[in-house]
Amino acid sequence: MERVAQCHCGSLRAITSGEPGYSYLCHCKACQRRTGTVVHAGAYFLKEQVRSDGPSKVYTRVADTGFAVHFHFCPNCGTSVYWISDKRPDHRGVAVGCFADPAFPAPTRSVWEESKHPWLGLSPDMVHLELGVNPDGSPMTR
């Protein structure tokens, strides 16, 4: 299955093939500020499942995990479409909202819930983590 994630103006696209390895919600303050929403929805695909098309600018920041994340956003409209994390160089993250597809697979985990807005109702069936996830997939602790 091929899906196309694109920015608001349509200039930058991430074309994915197959299903994501997993999709998730992130409530960290950095994602809230980057997206302008109370929660970020993302999906990780193997890098060979994602190809990009169109111009992008890159903003890099070091996440709480200690790894750099390189966000690719449209230089025209500013939409952040996909990212590459030094934590998972063999994967590509894609913003689920850029697919604009209500049938996209539901998230399986919710991370950085210490910053979650309390009025946001989430399924009890997903994995709920107060913090993030370590490079080995285990929950982070402080």
Protein backbone atom coordinates (compact mmCIF):
# COMPACT_ATOMS: atom_id res chain seq x y z
CA MET A 1 0.00 0.00 0.00
CA GLU A 2 1.30 3.44 -0.91
CA ARG A 3 0.38 6.54 1.10
CA VAL A 4 1.31 10.16 0.48
CA ALA A 5 1.93 12.57 3.34
CA GLN A 6 2.20 16.18 2.25
CA CYS A 7 2.55 19.66 3.61
CA HIS A 8 -0.25 22.21 3.60
CA CYS A 9 0.72 23.71 0.22
CA GLY A 10 1.60 20.33 -1.37
CA SER A 11 5.23 21.15 -2.18
CA LEU A 12 6.85 18.63 0.20
CA ARG A 13 5.77 15.01 0.26
CA ALA A 14 6.78 11.76 1.94
CA ILE A 15 5.60 8.74 -0.04
CA THR A 16 5.42 5.57 2.04
CA SER A 17 4.99 1.97 1.00
CA GLY A 18 3.62 -0.73 3.26
CA GLU A 19 2.48 -0.36 6.83
CA PRO A 20 4.33 1.59 9.52
CA GLY A 21 6.33 -0.30 12.13
CA TYR A 22 4.29 1.56 14.72
CA SER A 23 2.41 4.78 15.25
CA TYR A 24 2.35 6.80 18.45
CA LEU A 25 1.30 9.97 20.22
CA CYS A 26 3.88 12.25 21.85
CA HIS A 27 2.91 14.78 24.51
CA CYS A 28 6.36 16.31 25.11
CA LYS A 29 6.50 20.08 25.24
CA ALA A 30 8.89 20.23 22.26
CA CYS A 31 6.35 18.41 20.06
CA GLN A 32 3.54 20.61 21.36
CA ARG A 33 5.49 23.71 20.40
CA ARG A 34 6.68 22.28 17.05
CA THR A 35 3.20 21.26 15.94
CA GLY A 36 1.14 23.98 17.64
CA THR A 37 -1.17 21.26 18.99
CA VAL A 38 -1.53 19.49 22.33
CA VAL A 39 -0.24 16.18 20.94
CA HIS A 40 1.93 15.01 18.03
CA ALA A 41 0.91 11.91 16.08
CA GLY A 42 3.76 10.16 14.30
CA ALA A 43 4.51 6.89 12.55
CA TYR A 44 7.82 5.16 11.98
CA PHE A 45 8.60 3.33 8.75
CA LEU A 46 11.80 1.58 7.65
CA LYS A 47 13.85 4.13 5.68
CA GLU A 48 13.52 2.06 2.49
CA GLN A 49 9.72 2.42 2.79
CA VAL A 50 9.86 6.23 2.56
CA ARG A 51 10.89 8.49 -0.27
CA SER A 52 10.66 12.25 -0.18
CA ASP A 53 9.72 14.60 -2.96
CA GLY A 54 10.01 18.37 -3.04
CA PRO A 55 12.14 20.98 -1.32
CA SER A 56 12.65 20.91 2.43
CA LYS A 57 14.49 22.83 5.09
CA VAL A 58 15.83 21.03 8.14
CA TYR A 59 15.59 21.97 11.79
CA THR A 60 17.70 19.84 14.13
CA ARG A 61 17.27 19.58 17.87
CA VAL A 62 18.58 17.24 20.55
CA ALA A 63 15.73 15.30 22.15
CA ASP A 64 15.46 14.33 25.81
CA THR A 65 16.81 10.91 24.80
CA GLY A 66 20.10 12.65 23.93
CA PHE A 67 19.78 11.92 20.21
CA ALA A 68 19.46 14.55 17.47
CA VAL A 69 16.23 14.67 15.45
CA HIS A 70 16.30 16.29 12.01
CA PHE A 71 12.86 17.66 11.07
CA HIS A 72 12.20 18.24 7.38
CA PHE A 73 9.68 21.00 6.81
CA CYS A 74 8.32 22.83 3.80
CA PRO A 75 10.16 26.11 3.11
CA ASN A 76 6.91 27.56 1.68
CA CYS A 77 4.22 26.76 4.26
CA GLY A 78 6.32 25.54 7.21
CA THR A 79 4.64 22.15 7.68
CA SER A 80 6.87 19.54 9.33
CA VAL A 81 6.30 16.40 7.21
CA TYR A 82 8.99 13.88 8.18
CA TRP A 83 12.08 13.48 10.34
CA ILE A 84 15.18 11.41 10.77
CA SER A 85 16.36 10.55 14.26
CA ASP A 86 19.93 9.62 15.14
CA LYS A 87 18.26 7.25 17.62
CA ARG A 88 16.79 5.21 14.74
CA PRO A 89 18.81 5.98 11.59
CA ASP A 90 17.28 2.97 9.80
CA HIS A 91 13.77 4.49 10.16
CA ARG A 92 11.92 7.59 9.01
CA GLY A 93 9.22 9.28 11.04
CA VAL A 94 6.24 10.78 9.24
CA ALA A 95 3.62 13.11 10.71
CA VAL A 96 0.35 11.17 10.64
CA GLY A 97 -1.70 14.34 10.12
CA CYS A 98 0.11 14.96 6.82
CA PHE A 99 -1.55 11.82 5.42
CA ALA A 100 -4.98 13.37 6.15
CA ASP A 101 -6.33 9.81 6.26
CA PRO A 102 -8.81 8.87 9.03
CA ALA A 103 -8.22 5.19 8.17
CA PHE A 104 -4.51 5.41 9.11
CA PRO A 105 -3.60 2.79 11.76
CA ALA A 106 -4.33 3.94 15.31
CA PRO A 107 -1.39 4.73 17.59
CA THR A 108 -0.14 1.87 19.74
CA ARG A 109 1.67 3.93 22.37
CA SER A 110 1.48 7.29 24.06
CA VAL A 111 4.77 8.80 25.29
CA TRP A 112 5.81 11.73 27.47
CA GLU A 113 2.47 11.66 29.26
CA GLU A 114 3.98 13.75 32.07
CA SER A 115 3.14 16.69 29.75
CA LYS A 116 -0.22 15.32 28.58
CA HIS A 117 -3.22 17.63 28.77
CA PRO A 118 -5.50 16.01 31.37
CA TRP A 119 -8.68 16.54 29.34
CA LEU A 120 -7.33 14.50 26.41
CA GLY A 121 -9.02 11.09 26.51
CA LEU A 122 -6.98 8.18 25.18
CA SER A 123 -7.69 4.49 24.68
CA PRO A 124 -6.71 2.34 27.67
CA ASP A 125 -5.62 -0.32 25.13
CA MET A 126 -2.49 1.56 24.07
CA VAL A 127 0.84 1.54 25.95
CA HIS A 128 1.02 4.62 28.20
CA LEU A 129 4.47 5.91 29.19
CA GLU A 130 5.09 8.79 31.57
CA LEU A 131 8.37 9.56 29.78
CA GLY A 132 9.84 8.45 26.46
CA VAL A 133 11.50 5.31 25.17
CA ASN A 134 15.20 4.39 25.32
CA PRO A 135 17.09 3.36 22.16
CA ASP A 136 16.57 -0.31 23.12
CA GLY A 137 12.78 0.23 23.31
CA SER A 138 12.57 0.18 27.09
CA PRO A 139 10.72 2.98 28.95
CA MET A 140 12.84 5.91 30.11
CA THR A 141 13.17 6.70 33.82
CA ARG A 142 14.41 9.80 35.58
